[in-house]
C-alpha atoms as a PDB file:
ATOM      1  CA  MET A   1      -0.290  -0.034   0.118  1.00  0.00           C
ATOM      2  CA  ASN A   2       1.562   3.258  -1.194  1.00  0.00           C
ATOM      3  CA  ARG A   3       1.178   6.107   1.580  1.00  0.00           C
ATOM      4  CA  PRO A   4       0.997   9.999   0.210  1.00  0.00           C
ATOM      5  CA  TRP A   5       4.120  11.693   0.185  1.00  0.00           C
ATOM      6  CA  TYR A   6       3.187  14.164   2.979  1.00  0.00           C
ATOM      7  CA  LYS A   7       3.066  11.011   5.750  1.00  0.00           C
ATOM      8  CA  GLU A   8       6.599  10.187   4.768  1.00  0.00           C
ATOM      9  CA  PHE A   9       9.278  11.292   7.154  1.00  0.00           C
ATOM     10  CA  TRP A  10      12.081  12.199   4.557  1.00  0.00           C
ATOM     11  CA  PRO A  11      10.280  14.914   2.269  1.00  0.00           C
ATOM     12  CA  TRP A  12       9.691  17.061   5.631  1.00  0.00           C
ATOM     13  CA  PHE A  13      13.047  16.587   6.700  1.00  0.00           C
ATOM     14  CA  LEU A  14      14.515  17.654   3.290  1.00  0.00           C
ATOM     15  CA  ILE A  15      12.125  20.622   3.272  1.00  0.00           C
ATOM     16  CA  ALA A  16      12.984  21.508   6.836  1.00  0.00           C
ATOM     17  CA  VAL A  17      16.778  21.987   6.291  1.00  0.00           C
ATOM     18  CA  PRO A  18      16.446  24.930   3.837  1.00  0.00           C
ATOM     19  CA  VAL A  19      13.566  26.625   5.904  1.00  0.00           C
ATOM     20  CA  ALA A  20      15.667  26.421   8.976  1.00  0.00           C
ATOM     21  CA  THR A  21      18.727  27.819   7.363  1.00  0.00           C
ATOM     22  CA  LEU A  22      16.368  30.890   5.790  1.00  0.00           C
ATOM     23  CA  ILE A  23      15.120  31.559   9.341  1.00  0.00           C
ATOM     24  CA  MET A  24      18.753  31.673  10.927  1.00  0.00           C
ATOM     25  CA  GLY A  25      20.097  33.419   8.028  1.00  0.00           C
ATOM     26  CA  GLY A  26      17.211  36.066   8.650  1.00  0.00           C
ATOM     27  CA  VAL A  27      18.244  36.163  12.648  1.00  0.00           C
ATOM     28  CA  LEU A  28      21.921  36.538  11.969  1.00  0.00           C
ATOM     29  CA  LEU A  29      21.076  39.418   9.223  1.00  0.00           C
ATOM     30  CA  LYS A  30      18.902  41.417  11.879  1.00  0.00           C
ATOM     31  CA  LEU A  31      21.415  41.011  14.331  1.00  0.00           C
ATOM     32  CA  ALA A  32      24.059  42.466  12.108  1.00  0.00           C
ATOM     33  CA  ILE A  33      22.131  45.338  11.224  1.00  0.00           C
ATOM     34  CA  SER A  34      20.909  46.205  14.674  1.00  0.00           C
ATOM     35  CA  THR A  35      23.901  45.965  16.710  1.00  0.00           C
ATOM     36  CA  GLU A  36      26.886  48.040  17.003  1.00  0.00           C
ATOM     37  CA  ASP A  37      30.516  47.263  16.973  1.00  0.00           C
ATOM     38  CA  SER A  38      31.389  48.596  20.283  1.00  0.00           C
ATOM     39  CA  LEU A  39      34.909  46.653  20.534  1.00  0.00           C
ATOM     40  CA  VAL A  40      36.185  48.406  16.971  1.00  0.00           C
ATOM     41  CA  VAL A  41      38.564  51.386  17.781  1.00  0.00           C
ATOM     42  CA  ASP A  42      38.430  54.179  15.276  1.00  0.00           C
ATOM     43  CA  ASP A  43      41.766  55.740  15.956  1.00  0.00           C
ATOM     44  CA  TYR A  44      44.325  53.119  16.609  1.00  0.00           C
ATOM     45  CA  TYR A  45      47.327  55.755  17.153  1.00  0.00           C
ATOM     46  CA  LYS A  46      45.582  57.559  19.817  1.00  0.00           C
ATOM     47  CA  GLU A  47      44.840  53.895  21.423  1.00  0.00           C
ATOM     48  CA  GLY A  48      48.310  52.911  21.224  1.00  0.00           C
ATOM     49  CA  LYS A  49      49.334  56.024  22.975  1.00  0.00           C
ATOM     50  CA  ALA A  50      47.014  55.336  25.788  1.00  0.00           C
ATOM     51  CA  ILE A  51      48.212  51.837  26.036  1.00  0.00           C
ATOM     52  CA  ASN A  52      51.698  53.235  26.401  1.00  0.00           C
ATOM     53  CA  ALA A  53      50.379  55.540  29.490  1.00  0.00           C
ATOM     54  CA  THR A  54      48.730  52.598  30.864  1.00  0.00           C
ATOM     55  CA  LEU A  55      51.784  50.307  30.877  1.00  0.00           C
ATOM     56  CA  ASP A  56      53.724  53.460  32.551  1.00  0.00           C
ATOM     57  CA  LYS A  57      50.975  53.663  35.504  1.00  0.00           C
ATOM     58  CA  GLN A  58      51.419  49.963  36.239  1.00  0.00           C
ATOM     59  CA  ALA A  59      54.917  50.148  36.475  1.00  0.00           C
ATOM     60  CA  ILE A  60      54.592  52.959  39.037  1.00  0.00           C
ATOM     61  CA  ALA A  61      52.242  50.646  40.883  1.00  0.00           C
ATOM     62  CA  LYS A  62      54.788  47.793  40.950  1.00  0.00           C
ATOM     63  CA  LYS A  63      57.475  50.269  42.139  1.00  0.00           C
ATOM     64  CA  LYS A  64      55.452  51.528  45.086  1.00  0.00           C
ATOM     65  CA  ASN A  65      54.832  47.831  45.916  1.00  0.00           C
ATOM     66  CA  ILE A  66      51.166  48.014  46.286  1.00  0.00           C
ATOM     67  CA  THR A  67      49.436  44.911  47.303  1.00  0.00           C
ATOM     68  CA  THR A  68      45.638  44.766  48.573  1.00  0.00           C
ATOM     69  CA  ALA A  69      43.174  42.247  48.995  1.00  0.00           C
ATOM     70  CA  LEU A  70      39.541  42.758  47.471  1.00  0.00           C
ATOM     71  CA  THR A  71      36.476  41.066  48.535  1.00  0.00           C
ATOM     72  CA  ILE A  72      33.146  41.366  46.538  1.00  0.00           C
ATOM     73  CA  LYS A  73      30.005  39.861  48.012  1.00  0.00           C
ATOM     74  CA  ASP A  74      26.436  40.848  46.937  1.00  0.00           C
ATOM     75  CA  GLY A  75      27.495  44.178  45.487  1.00  0.00           C
ATOM     76  CA  SER A  76      29.486  45.200  48.399  1.00  0.00           C
ATOM     77  CA  VAL A  77      33.200  45.896  47.737  1.00  0.00           C
ATOM     78  CA  ALA A  78      35.844  45.802  50.036  1.00  0.00           C
ATOM     79  CA  LEU A  79      39.749  46.828  49.608  1.00  0.00           C
ATOM     80  CA  GLU A  80      42.341  46.616  52.030  1.00  0.00           C
ATOM     81  CA  PHE A  81      45.987  47.802  51.143  1.00  0.00           C
ATOM     82  CA  HIS A  82      48.395  45.422  52.690  1.00  0.00           C
ATOM     83  CA  SER A  83      51.395  47.724  51.333  1.00  0.00           C
ATOM     84  CA  GLY A  84      51.697  50.992  49.196  1.00  0.00           C
ATOM     85  CA  ILE A  85      48.796  52.676  51.309  1.00  0.00           C
ATOM     86  CA  PRO A  86      47.754  55.958  49.438  1.00  0.00           C
ATOM     87  CA  LYS A  87      48.940  58.666  52.192  1.00  0.00           C
ATOM     88  CA  GLU A  88      46.302  60.987  51.857  1.00  0.00           C
ATOM     89  CA  GLY A  89      43.802  58.518  52.506  1.00  0.00           C
ATOM     90  CA  ASN A  90      41.787  59.627  49.398  1.00  0.00           C
ATOM     91  CA  ALA A  91      38.888  57.705  47.819  1.00  0.00           C
ATOM     92  CA  VAL A  92      39.960  55.255  45.203  1.00  0.00           C
ATOM     93  CA  LYS A  93      38.158  54.205  42.039  1.00  0.00           C
ATOM     94  CA  LEU A  94      37.674  50.561  41.409  1.00  0.00           C
ATOM     95  CA  SER A  95      36.139  50.060  37.329  1.00  0.00           C
ATOM     96  CA  PHE A  96      34.641  46.907  35.807  1.00  0.00           C
ATOM     97  CA  TYR A  97      34.800  46.503  32.221  1.00  0.00           C
ATOM     98  CA  HIS A  98      32.986  43.616  30.920  1.00  0.00           C
ATOM     99  CA  VAL A  99      35.058  41.801  28.498  1.00  0.00           C
ATOM    100  CA  THR A 100      32.329  41.866  25.666  1.00  0.00           C
ATOM    101  CA  LEU A 101      29.721  44.131  26.641  1.00  0.00           C
ATOM    102  CA  GLN A 102      30.523  47.832  27.141  1.00  0.00           C
ATOM    103  CA  GLU A 103      26.865  48.854  28.284  1.00  0.00           C
ATOM    104  CA  ARG A 104      27.532  46.802  31.386  1.00  0.00           C
ATOM    105  CA  ASP A 105      30.873  48.483  32.405  1.00  0.00           C
ATOM    106  CA  VAL A 106      30.610  50.044  36.074  1.00  0.00           C
ATOM    107  CA  SER A 107      32.991  52.154  38.164  1.00  0.00           C
ATOM    108  CA  VAL A 108      32.645  51.867  41.991  1.00  0.00           C
ATOM    109  CA  LEU A 109      34.022  54.850  44.428  1.00  0.00           C
ATOM    110  CA  LEU A 110      35.693  53.245  47.419  1.00  0.00           C
ATOM    111  CA  SER A 111      36.241  55.756  50.446  1.00  0.00           C
ATOM    112  CA  ARG A 112      38.194  54.817  53.320  1.00  0.00           C
ATOM    113  CA  ASP A 113      36.495  53.817  56.764  1.00  0.00           C
ATOM    114  CA  ALA A 114      38.040  54.196  60.145  1.00  0.00           C
ATOM    115  CA  ASN A 115      39.519  50.708  59.853  1.00  0.00           C
ATOM    116  CA  GLY A 116      41.624  51.739  56.710  1.00  0.00           C
ATOM    117  CA  ILE A 117      39.353  49.594  54.366  1.00  0.00           C
ATOM    118  CA  TYR A 118      38.243  51.208  51.440  1.00  0.00           C
ATOM    119  CA  ARG A 119      34.316  50.279  50.971  1.00  0.00           C
ATOM    120  CA  GLY A 120      31.938  50.630  48.134  1.00  0.00           C
ATOM    121  CA  PHE A 121      28.635  49.457  46.678  1.00  0.00           C
ATOM    122  CA  THR A 122      26.985  48.585  43.506  1.00  0.00           C
ATOM    123  CA  GLU A 123      23.553  47.464  42.429  1.00  0.00           C
ATOM    124  CA  GLN A 124      24.969  45.977  39.071  1.00  0.00           C
ATOM    125  CA  ASN A 125      25.214  42.225  38.688  1.00  0.00           C
ATOM    126  CA  LEU A 126      28.824  41.599  38.188  1.00  0.00           C
ATOM    127  CA  ASP A 127      28.860  37.880  37.556  1.00  0.00           C
ATOM    128  CA  GLY A 128      30.937  36.787  34.687  1.00  0.00           C
ATOM    129  CA  LYS A 129      34.619  37.752  33.490  1.00  0.00           C
ATOM    130  CA  TRP A 130      35.648  41.283  33.984  1.00  0.00           C
ATOM    131  CA  ARG A 131      39.001  43.549  33.442  1.00  0.00           C
ATOM    132  CA  VAL A 132      39.253  45.400  36.705  1.00  0.00           C
ATOM    133  CA  SER A 133      41.304  48.396  37.284  1.00  0.00           C
ATOM    134  CA  LEU A 134      42.044  50.344  40.449  1.00  0.00           C
ATOM    135  CA  THR A 135      43.264  53.819  40.404  1.00  0.00           C
ATOM    136  CA  PRO A 136      43.279  56.557  42.728  1.00  0.00           C
ATOM    137  CA  PHE A 137      41.734  59.821  41.789  1.00  0.00           C
ATOM    138  CA  ASP A 138      44.985  61.676  40.472  1.00  0.00           C
ATOM    139  CA  GLU A 139      45.497  58.553  38.260  1.00  0.00           C
ATOM    140  CA  SER A 140      49.200  58.345  39.302  1.00  0.00           C
ATOM    141  CA  TRP A 141      49.159  54.615  39.235  1.00  0.00           C
ATOM    142  CA  LYS A 142      47.036  51.639  37.917  1.00  0.00           C
ATOM    143  CA  ILE A 143      46.427  48.239  39.064  1.00  0.00           C
ATOM    144  CA  GLN A 144      44.664  45.916  36.455  1.00  0.00           C
ATOM    145  CA  ASN A 145      43.663  42.265  36.364  1.00  0.00           C
ATOM    146  CA  THR A 146      41.040  39.978  34.982  1.00  0.00           C
ATOM    147  CA  LEU A 147      38.541  38.292  37.279  1.00  0.00           C
ATOM    148  CA  GLN A 148      35.995  35.832  37.167  1.00  0.00           C
ATOM    149  CA  LEU A 149      32.910  36.521  39.570  1.00  0.00           C
ATOM    150  CA  PRO A 150      31.331  35.564  41.800  1.00  0.00           C
ATOM    151  CA  TYR A 151      34.387  34.726  43.960  1.00  0.00           C
ATOM    152  CA  SER A 152      33.645  33.904  47.273  1.00  0.00           C
ATOM    153  CA  GLY A 153      37.222  34.139  49.213  1.00  0.00           C
ATOM    154  CA  VAL A 154      39.462  37.205  49.225  1.00  0.00           C
ATOM    155  CA  ILE A 155      41.336  38.231  45.835  1.00  0.00           C
ATOM    156  CA  LYS A 156      44.757  39.138  45.766  1.00  0.00           C
ATOM    157  CA  PHE A 157      44.753  42.433  43.615  1.00  0.00           C
ATOM    158  CA  ASN A 158      48.301  42.996  42.786  1.00  0.00           C
ATOM    159  CA  PRO A 159      50.028  44.819  39.963  1.00  0.00           C
END
C-alpha cells in the first residue's frame, strides 16, 4: 500500500533543512544590522599611546609595591591595602569593564573607613568575566587584573 508523500518523514526533513537555514540567516541578518560594533576602535594611534600610558602607570604601581586584598560579595566591595597605602587616604576608583559588553561597564568609588578599609557598593550584577582596574583620583598609578566573578574568597589584587 502506497502512502502519500506528505505522510513520509524524508520529504519533510528535506524541506525543514533549507527553511531552518533561511530562518537562521534572517536572524543573523537582523543582528548584524541592529547591533553596534562597540569593540572597534576608530583611532588606533591614540589607542596605542593610551596603552603606553597605562603600562607606565602599572610600572609605577609595581615600583610602589602596592598589594591589596579585594572582597566582592552581593554588590558590596571591600579593598584592603597591605602595602603602598595612599598617604592622603583619598577615595580610589575601582572600574569593572565587561570583556564583551560595553554597556555593562561600571565604576565604584571606594572611600576609606575608620579601619583603613576602602568600601563601596554597586547594584549591578557582577557575575561573569571582568577586566578590573584600580586607580587613585589623580590616576598616578594603576592596577589591572582579569577576574571571574562571583568569587567567594579574598582576591589578591596586585600589579
